[in-house]
Structure formats: C-alpha cells, structure tokens
C-alpha cells in the first residue's frame, strides 16, 4: 500500500506544486517557473524509481504465474 501512496504522490505533487506557485504568483505578478517545476517533477520521478528499485521485495528470479480458472474457480496470480 505504501508503494501506491508514494507513486501517487510522485505523480500528483508536481501538479500541486504548480497550483501552489500559481496561487503565490498571483500576489507577486511574476512569470511561471516552468523550469523549476520540470526539475522538481524529474527529481520526484527519479526518486520514486530508485525507491521501487531498491525496496521492492520481489527478487528478479521470481516466476510469475497469471490467474487461471481451475474447476470453475479463479485461482489468483502467484509469485514463486
């Protein structure tokens, strides 16, 4: 569940940062810092990818077996 939350935050936070800066810039009459927001987005993306790379509990040698139907019942997917 924590992985989904981190991924969701990495996707949503640049947009939240954008709207927050737009709100602040209404008071200062400056241009939008597109470069800063782009760099922030890339940093968050790379940090999320690094997190999933090093903290994933599934080994590269794991075999994935997709869900299947046995005797009229669905058997869920398995990682062995």
PDB file of N, CA and C in Angstrom:
ATOM      1  N   UNK A   1       0.817  -1.188   0.000  1.00  0.00           N
ATOM      2  CA  UNK A   1       0.000   0.000   0.000  1.00  0.00           C
ATOM      3  C   UNK A   1       0.869   1.264   0.000  1.00  0.00           C
ATOM      4  N   UNK A   2       1.994   1.202   0.719  1.00  0.00           N
ATOM      5  CA  UNK A   2       2.873   2.369   0.784  1.00  0.00           C
ATOM      6  C   UNK A   2       3.455   2.690  -0.587  1.00  0.00           C
ATOM      7  N   UNK A   3       3.686   1.665  -1.398  1.00  0.00           N
ATOM      8  CA  UNK A   3       4.214   1.892  -2.747  1.00  0.00           C
ATOM      9  C   UNK A   3       3.213   2.665  -3.595  1.00  0.00           C
ATOM     10  N   UNK A   4       1.942   2.315  -3.463  1.00  0.00           N
ATOM     11  CA  UNK A   4       0.913   3.014  -4.233  1.00  0.00           C
ATOM     12  C   UNK A   4       0.803   4.467  -3.795  1.00  0.00           C
ATOM     13  N   UNK A   5       0.925   4.708  -2.499  1.00  0.00           N
ATOM     14  CA  UNK A   5       0.852   6.074  -1.994  1.00  0.00           C
ATOM     15  C   UNK A   5       2.036   6.892  -2.495  1.00  0.00           C
ATOM     16  N   UNK A   6       3.232   6.318  -2.473  1.00  0.00           N
ATOM     17  CA  UNK A   6       4.424   7.032  -2.942  1.00  0.00           C
ATOM     18  C   UNK A   6       4.325   7.321  -4.435  1.00  0.00           C
ATOM     19  N   UNK A   7       3.854   6.348  -5.195  1.00  0.00           N
ATOM     20  CA  UNK A   7       3.698   6.558  -6.636  1.00  0.00           C
ATOM     21  C   UNK A   7       2.661   7.640  -6.909  1.00  0.00           C
ATOM     22  N   UNK A   8       1.567   7.596  -6.189  1.00  0.00           N
ATOM     23  CA  UNK A   8       0.530   8.605  -6.363  1.00  0.00           C
ATOM     24  C   UNK A   8       1.053   9.996  -5.998  1.00  0.00           C
ATOM     25  N   UNK A   9       1.809  10.094  -4.924  1.00  0.00           N
ATOM     26  CA  UNK A   9       2.396  11.380  -4.533  1.00  0.00           C
ATOM     27  C   UNK A   9       3.394  11.885  -5.569  1.00  0.00           C
ATOM     28  N   UNK A  10       4.174  10.978  -6.142  1.00  0.00           N
ATOM     29  CA  UNK A  10       5.149  11.378  -7.163  1.00  0.00           C
ATOM     30  C   UNK A  10       4.452  11.894  -8.413  1.00  0.00           C
ATOM     31  N   UNK A  11       3.285  11.369  -8.707  1.00  0.00           N
ATOM     32  CA  UNK A  11       2.548  11.810  -9.891  1.00  0.00           C
ATOM     33  C   UNK A  11       1.815  13.121  -9.617  1.00  0.00           C
ATOM     34  N   UNK A  12       1.219  13.244  -8.451  1.00  0.00           N
ATOM     35  CA  UNK A  12       0.363  14.389  -8.156  1.00  0.00           C
ATOM     36  C   UNK A  12       1.137  15.610  -7.657  1.00  0.00           C
ATOM     37  N   UNK A  13       2.247  15.406  -6.960  1.00  0.00           N
ATOM     38  CA  UNK A  13       2.939  16.532  -6.323  1.00  0.00           C
ATOM     39  C   UNK A  13       3.427  17.620  -7.288  1.00  0.00           C
ATOM     40  N   UNK A  14       3.879  17.320  -8.512  1.00  0.00           N
ATOM     41  CA  UNK A  14       4.238  18.441  -9.408  1.00  0.00           C
ATOM     42  C   UNK A  14       3.038  19.324  -9.738  1.00  0.00           C
ATOM     43  N   UNK A  15       1.859  18.718  -9.877  1.00  0.00           N
ATOM     44  CA  UNK A  15       0.663  19.498 -10.160  1.00  0.00           C
ATOM     45  C   UNK A  15       0.265  20.357  -8.958  1.00  0.00           C
ATOM     46  N   UNK A  16       0.361  19.766  -7.770  1.00  0.00           N
ATOM     47  CA  UNK A  16       0.067  20.520  -6.550  1.00  0.00           C
ATOM     48  C   UNK A  16       1.070  21.662  -6.403  1.00  0.00           C
ATOM     49  N   UNK A  17       2.339  21.371  -6.668  1.00  0.00           N
ATOM     50  CA  UNK A  17       3.355  22.418  -6.622  1.00  0.00           C
ATOM     51  C   UNK A  17       3.084  23.516  -7.632  1.00  0.00           C
ATOM     52  N   UNK A  18       2.645  23.141  -8.810  1.00  0.00           N
ATOM     53  CA  UNK A  18       2.309  24.121  -9.851  1.00  0.00           C
ATOM     54  C   UNK A  18       1.180  25.039  -9.394  1.00  0.00           C
ATOM     55  N   UNK A  19       0.093  24.453  -8.920  1.00  0.00           N
ATOM     56  CA  UNK A  19      -1.039  25.267  -8.496  1.00  0.00           C
ATOM     57  C   UNK A  19      -0.703  26.106  -7.260  1.00  0.00           C
ATOM     58  N   UNK A  20       0.144  25.592  -6.390  1.00  0.00           N
ATOM     59  CA  UNK A  20       0.579  26.364  -5.236  1.00  0.00           C
ATOM     60  C   UNK A  20       1.405  27.569  -5.677  1.00  0.00           C
ATOM     61  N   UNK A  21       2.325  27.375  -6.626  1.00  0.00           N
ATOM     62  CA  UNK A  21       3.124  28.502  -7.102  1.00  0.00           C
ATOM     63  C   UNK A  21       2.263  29.500  -7.877  1.00  0.00           C
ATOM     64  N   UNK A  22       1.291  29.015  -8.627  1.00  0.00           N
ATOM     65  CA  UNK A  22       0.376  29.923  -9.333  1.00  0.00           C
ATOM     66  C   UNK A  22      -0.380  30.784  -8.322  1.00  0.00           C
ATOM     67  N   UNK A  23      -0.816  30.158  -7.246  1.00  0.00           N
ATOM     68  CA  UNK A  23      -1.528  30.892  -6.199  1.00  0.00           C
ATOM     69  C   UNK A  23      -0.625  31.959  -5.579  1.00  0.00           C
ATOM     70  N   UNK A  24       0.623  31.602  -5.309  1.00  0.00           N
ATOM     71  CA  UNK A  24       1.557  32.569  -4.735  1.00  0.00           C
ATOM     72  C   UNK A  24       1.937  33.659  -5.726  1.00  0.00           C
ATOM     73  N   UNK A  25       2.030  33.298  -7.015  1.00  0.00           N
ATOM     74  CA  UNK A  25       2.441  34.276  -8.019  1.00  0.00           C
ATOM     75  C   UNK A  25       1.346  35.300  -8.316  1.00  0.00           C
ATOM     76  N   UNK A  26       0.111  34.995  -7.962  1.00  0.00           N
ATOM     77  CA  UNK A  26      -0.949  35.987  -8.147  1.00  0.00           C
ATOM     78  C   UNK A  26      -0.664  37.238  -7.320  1.00  0.00           C
ATOM     79  N   UNK A  27       0.057  37.037  -6.218  1.00  0.00           N
ATOM     80  CA  UNK A  27       0.360  38.168  -5.358  1.00  0.00           C
ATOM     81  C   UNK A  27       1.625  38.908  -5.799  1.00  0.00           C
ATOM     82  N   UNK A  28       2.470  38.284  -6.599  1.00  0.00           N
ATOM     83  CA  UNK A  28       3.747  38.893  -6.957  1.00  0.00           C
ATOM     84  C   UNK A  28       3.844  39.308  -8.427  1.00  0.00           C
ATOM     85  N   UNK A  29       2.929  38.859  -9.264  1.00  0.00           N
ATOM     86  CA  UNK A  29       2.911  39.212 -10.699  1.00  0.00           C
ATOM     87  C   UNK A  29       4.203  38.818 -11.409  1.00  0.00           C
ATOM     88  N   UNK A  30       4.676  37.578 -11.189  1.00  0.00           N
ATOM     89  CA  UNK A  30       5.870  37.086 -11.869  1.00  0.00           C
ATOM     90  C   UNK A  30       5.467  36.006 -12.864  1.00  0.00           C
ATOM     91  N   UNK A  31       6.430  35.596 -13.694  1.00  0.00           N
ATOM     92  CA  UNK A  31       6.180  34.514 -14.638  1.00  0.00           C
ATOM     93  C   UNK A  31       6.176  33.170 -13.923  1.00  0.00           C
ATOM     94  N   UNK A  32       5.605  32.170 -14.586  1.00  0.00           N
ATOM     95  CA  UNK A  32       5.528  30.821 -14.025  1.00  0.00           C
ATOM     96  C   UNK A  32       6.908  30.168 -14.111  1.00  0.00           C
ATOM     97  N   UNK A  33       7.399  29.591 -13.022  1.00  0.00           N
ATOM     98  CA  UNK A  33       8.728  28.947 -13.045  1.00  0.00           C
ATOM     99  C   UNK A  33       8.664  27.542 -13.644  1.00  0.00           C
ATOM    100  N   UNK A  34       8.493  27.472 -14.955  1.00  0.00           N
ATOM    101  CA  UNK A  34       8.346  26.191 -15.635  1.00  0.00           C
ATOM    102  C   UNK A  34       9.578  25.322 -15.452  1.00  0.00           C
ATOM    103  N   UNK A  35      10.738  25.912 -15.515  1.00  0.00           N
ATOM    104  CA  UNK A  35      11.975  25.149 -15.366  1.00  0.00           C
ATOM    105  C   UNK A  35      12.077  24.526 -13.978  1.00  0.00           C
ATOM    106  N   UNK A  36      11.757  25.282 -12.957  1.00  0.00           N
ATOM    107  CA  UNK A  36      11.817  24.756 -11.596  1.00  0.00           C
ATOM    108  C   UNK A  36      10.819  23.616 -11.402  1.00  0.00           C
ATOM    109  N   UNK A  37       9.622  23.766 -11.938  1.00  0.00           N
ATOM    110  CA  UNK A  37       8.614  22.710 -11.805  1.00  0.00           C
ATOM    111  C   UNK A  37       9.007  21.461 -12.591  1.00  0.00           C
ATOM    112  N   UNK A  38       9.631  21.649 -13.731  1.00  0.00           N
ATOM    113  CA  UNK A  38      10.089  20.499 -14.513  1.00  0.00           C
ATOM    114  C   UNK A  38      11.186  19.739 -13.778  1.00  0.00           C
ATOM    115  N   UNK A  39      12.103  20.464 -13.190  1.00  0.00           N
ATOM    116  CA  UNK A  39      13.184  19.833 -12.427  1.00  0.00           C
ATOM    117  C   UNK A  39      12.606  19.112 -11.210  1.00  0.00           C
ATOM    118  N   UNK A  40      11.658  19.733 -10.530  1.00  0.00           N
ATOM    119  CA  UNK A  40      11.005  19.099  -9.383  1.00  0.00           C
ATOM    120  C   UNK A  40      10.310  17.805  -9.802  1.00  0.00           C
ATOM    121  N   UNK A  41       9.645  17.833 -10.926  1.00  0.00           N
ATOM    122  CA  UNK A  41       8.962  16.638 -11.431  1.00  0.00           C
ATOM    123  C   UNK A  41       9.956  15.525 -11.743  1.00  0.00           C
ATOM    124  N   UNK A  42      11.064  15.860 -12.373  1.00  0.00           N
ATOM    125  CA  UNK A  42      12.077  14.853 -12.691  1.00  0.00           C
ATOM    126  C   UNK A  42      12.716  14.275 -11.431  1.00  0.00           C
ATOM    127  N   UNK A  43      12.975  15.122 -10.446  1.00  0.00           N
ATOM    128  CA  UNK A  43      13.557  14.651  -9.192  1.00  0.00           C
ATOM    129  C   UNK A  43      12.606  13.682  -8.494  1.00  0.00           C
ATOM    130  N   UNK A  44      11.333  14.017  -8.455  1.00  0.00           N
ATOM    131  CA  UNK A  44      10.357  13.131  -7.822  1.00  0.00           C
ATOM    132  C   UNK A  44      10.223  11.818  -8.586  1.00  0.00           C
ATOM    133  N   UNK A  45      10.250  11.873  -9.905  1.00  0.00           N
ATOM    134  CA  UNK A  45      10.159  10.656 -10.705  1.00  0.00           C
ATOM    135  C   UNK A  45      11.360   9.757 -10.461  1.00  0.00           C
ATOM    136  N   UNK A  46      12.551  10.327 -10.490  1.00  0.00           N
ATOM    137  CA  UNK A  46      13.761   9.532 -10.282  1.00  0.00           C
ATOM    138  C   UNK A  46      13.791   8.959  -8.872  1.00  0.00           C
ATOM    139  N   UNK A  47      13.393   9.740  -7.882  1.00  0.00           N
ATOM    140  CA  UNK A  47      13.391   9.229  -6.509  1.00  0.00           C
ATOM    141  C   UNK A  47      12.384   8.091  -6.340  1.00  0.00           C
ATOM    142  N   UNK A  48      11.256   8.165  -7.003  1.00  0.00           N
ATOM    143  CA  UNK A  48      10.277   7.078  -6.942  1.00  0.00           C
ATOM    144  C   UNK A  48      10.820   5.825  -7.616  1.00  0.00           C
ATOM    145  N   UNK A  49      11.455   5.979  -8.759  1.00  0.00           N
ATOM    146  CA  UNK A  49      12.029   4.829  -9.451  1.00  0.00           C
ATOM    147  C   UNK A  49      13.138   4.185  -8.621  1.00  0.00           C
ATOM    148  N   UNK A  50      13.955   4.995  -7.968  1.00  0.00           N
ATOM    149  CA  UNK A  50      15.009   4.459  -7.106  1.00  0.00           C
ATOM    150  C   UNK A  50      14.396   3.721  -5.924  1.00  0.00           C
ATOM    151  N   UNK A  51      13.355   4.290  -5.344  1.00  0.00           N
ATOM    152  CA  UNK A  51      12.688   3.636  -4.216  1.00  0.00           C
ATOM    153  C   UNK A  51      12.178   2.257  -4.627  1.00  0.00           C
ATOM    154  N   UNK A  52      11.480   2.174  -5.753  1.00  0.00           N
ATOM    155  CA  UNK A  52      10.939   0.888  -6.193  1.00  0.00           C
ATOM    156  C   UNK A  52      12.053  -0.087  -6.585  1.00  0.00           C
ATOM    157  N   UNK A  53      13.172   0.412  -7.049  1.00  0.00           N
ATOM    158  CA  UNK A  53      14.272  -0.457  -7.450  1.00  0.00           C
ATOM    159  C   UNK A  53      14.917  -1.132  -6.239  1.00  0.00           C
ATOM    160  N   UNK A  54      15.137  -0.383  -5.185  1.00  0.00           N
ATOM    161  CA  UNK A  54      15.888  -0.914  -4.053  1.00  0.00           C
ATOM    162  C   UNK A  54      15.017  -1.448  -2.914  1.00  0.00           C
ATOM    163  N   UNK A  55      13.766  -1.093  -2.859  1.00  0.00           N
ATOM    164  CA  UNK A  55      12.922  -1.528  -1.760  1.00  0.00           C
ATOM    165  C   UNK A  55      11.815  -2.475  -2.195  1.00  0.00           C
ATOM    166  N   UNK A  56      11.885  -2.978  -3.401  1.00  0.00           N
ATOM    167  CA  UNK A  56      10.924  -3.972  -3.856  1.00  0.00           C
ATOM    168  C   UNK A  56      11.304  -5.324  -3.270  1.00  0.00           C
ATOM    169  N   UNK A  57      10.326  -6.051  -2.778  1.00  0.00           N
ATOM    170  CA  UNK A  57      10.592  -7.324  -2.118  1.00  0.00           C
ATOM    171  C   UNK A  57      10.449  -8.517  -3.060  1.00  0.00           C
ATOM    172  N   UNK A  58      10.364  -8.268  -4.339  1.00  0.00           N
ATOM    173  CA  UNK A  58      10.265  -9.350  -5.310  1.00  0.00           C
ATOM    174  C   UNK A  58      11.619  -9.486  -5.988  1.00  0.00           C
ATOM    175  N   UNK A  59      12.191 -10.661  -5.908  1.00  0.00           N
ATOM    176  CA  UNK A  59      13.511 -10.882  -6.480  1.00  0.00           C
ATOM    177  C   UNK A  59      13.415 -11.010  -8.011  1.00  0.00           C
ATOM    178  N   UNK A  60      14.476 -10.711  -8.726  1.00  0.00           N
ATOM    179  CA  UNK A  60      14.454 -10.824 -10.186  1.00  0.00           C
ATOM    180  C   UNK A  60      14.269 -12.257 -10.671  1.00  0.00           C
ATOM    181  N   UNK A  61      14.569 -13.245  -9.835  1.00  0.00           N
ATOM    182  CA  UNK A  61      14.423 -14.641 -10.230  1.00  0.00           C
ATOM    183  C   UNK A  61      13.014 -15.186  -9.993  1.00  0.00           C
ATOM    184  N   UNK A  62      12.109 -14.341  -9.535  1.00  0.00           N
ATOM    185  CA  UNK A  62      10.753 -14.769  -9.228  1.00  0.00           C
ATOM    186  C   UNK A  62      10.000 -15.103 -10.512  1.00  0.00           C
ATOM    187  N   UNK A  63       9.273 -16.198 -10.478  1.00  0.00           N
ATOM    188  CA  UNK A  63       8.428 -16.588 -11.608  1.00  0.00           C
ATOM    189  C   UNK A  63       7.011 -16.116 -11.338  1.00  0.00           C
ATOM    190  N   UNK A  64       6.396 -15.506 -12.335  1.00  0.00           N
ATOM    191  CA  UNK A  64       5.024 -15.020 -12.219  1.00  0.00           C
ATOM    192  C   UNK A  64       4.087 -15.971 -12.949  1.00  0.00           C
ATOM    193  N   UNK A  65       3.058 -16.406 -12.255  1.00  0.00           N
ATOM    194  CA  UNK A  65       2.035 -17.252 -12.850  1.00  0.00           C
ATOM    195  C   UNK A  65       0.727 -16.475 -12.840  1.00  0.00           C
ATOM    196  N   UNK A  66       0.157 -16.188 -14.012  1.00  0.00           N
ATOM    197  CA  UNK A  66      -1.053 -15.366 -14.080  1.00  0.00           C
ATOM    198  C   UNK A  66      -2.266 -16.098 -13.485  1.00  0.00           C
ATOM    199  N   UNK A  67      -3.334 -15.357 -13.209  1.00  0.00           N
ATOM    200  CA  UNK A  67      -4.537 -16.004 -12.697  1.00  0.00           C
ATOM    201  C   UNK A  67      -5.065 -17.023 -13.706  1.00  0.00           C
ATOM    202  N   UNK A  68      -5.706 -18.073 -13.186  1.00  0.00           N
ATOM    203  CA  UNK A  68      -6.240 -19.104 -14.073  1.00  0.00           C
ATOM    204  C   UNK A  68      -7.522 -19.656 -13.464  1.00  0.00           C
ATOM    205  N   UNK A  69      -8.262 -20.374 -14.281  1.00  0.00           N
ATOM    206  CA  UNK A  69      -9.509 -20.988 -13.838  1.00  0.00           C
ATOM    207  C   UNK A  69      -9.271 -22.483 -13.673  1.00  0.00           C
ATOM    208  N   UNK A  70      -9.528 -22.980 -12.466  1.00  0.00           N
ATOM    209  CA  UNK A  70      -9.419 -24.408 -12.185  1.00  0.00           C
ATOM    210  C   UNK A  70     -10.721 -24.866 -11.533  1.00  0.00           C
ATOM    211  N   UNK A  71     -11.356 -25.853 -12.100  1.00  0.00           N
ATOM    212  CA  UNK A  71     -12.602 -26.404 -11.583  1.00  0.00           C
ATOM    213  C   UNK A  71     -13.667 -25.331 -11.405  1.00  0.00           C
ATOM    214  N   UNK A  72     -13.736 -24.389 -12.317  1.00  0.00           N
ATOM    215  CA  UNK A  72     -14.757 -23.355 -12.270  1.00  0.00           C
ATOM    216  C   UNK A  72     -14.471 -22.235 -11.286  1.00  0.00           C
ATOM    217  N   UNK A  73     -13.317 -22.238 -10.638  1.00  0.00           N
ATOM    218  CA  UNK A  73     -12.955 -21.180  -9.694  1.00  0.00           C
ATOM    219  C   UNK A  73     -11.693 -20.477 -10.181  1.00  0.00           C
ATOM    220  N   UNK A  74     -11.634 -19.191  -9.926  1.00  0.00           N
ATOM    221  CA  UNK A  74     -10.480 -18.406 -10.336  1.00  0.00           C
ATOM    222  C   UNK A  74      -9.392 -18.529  -9.274  1.00  0.00           C
ATOM    223  N   UNK A  75      -8.231 -18.984  -9.697  1.00  0.00           N
ATOM    224  CA  UNK A  75      -7.064 -19.081  -8.819  1.00  0.00           C
ATOM    225  C   UNK A  75      -6.260 -17.811  -9.032  1.00  0.00           C
ATOM    226  N   UNK A  76      -5.977 -17.041  -7.967  1.00  0.00           N
ATOM    227  CA  UNK A  76      -5.268 -15.765  -8.151  1.00  0.00           C
ATOM    228  C   UNK A  76      -3.833 -15.956  -8.649  1.00  0.00           C
ATOM    229  N   UNK A  77      -3.259 -14.870  -9.101  1.00  0.00           N
ATOM    230  CA  UNK A  77      -1.882 -14.878  -9.597  1.00  0.00           C
ATOM    231  C   UNK A  77      -0.924 -15.216  -8.462  1.00  0.00           C
ATOM    232  N   UNK A  78       0.213 -15.813  -8.828  1.00  0.00           N
ATOM    233  CA  UNK A  78       1.205 -16.208  -7.836  1.00  0.00           C
ATOM    234  C   UNK A  78       2.604 -15.779  -8.269  1.00  0.00           C
ATOM    235  N   UNK A  79       3.403 -15.464  -7.282  1.00  0.00           N
ATOM    236  CA  UNK A  79       4.826 -15.201  -7.481  1.00  0.00           C
ATOM    237  C   UNK A  79       5.576 -16.283  -6.734  1.00  0.00           C
ATOM    238  N   UNK A  80       6.308 -17.121  -7.471  1.00  0.00           N
ATOM    239  CA  UNK A  80       7.073 -18.213  -6.830  1.00  0.00           C
ATOM    240  C   UNK A  80       8.530 -18.065  -7.146  1.00  0.00           C
TER     241      UNK A  80
END
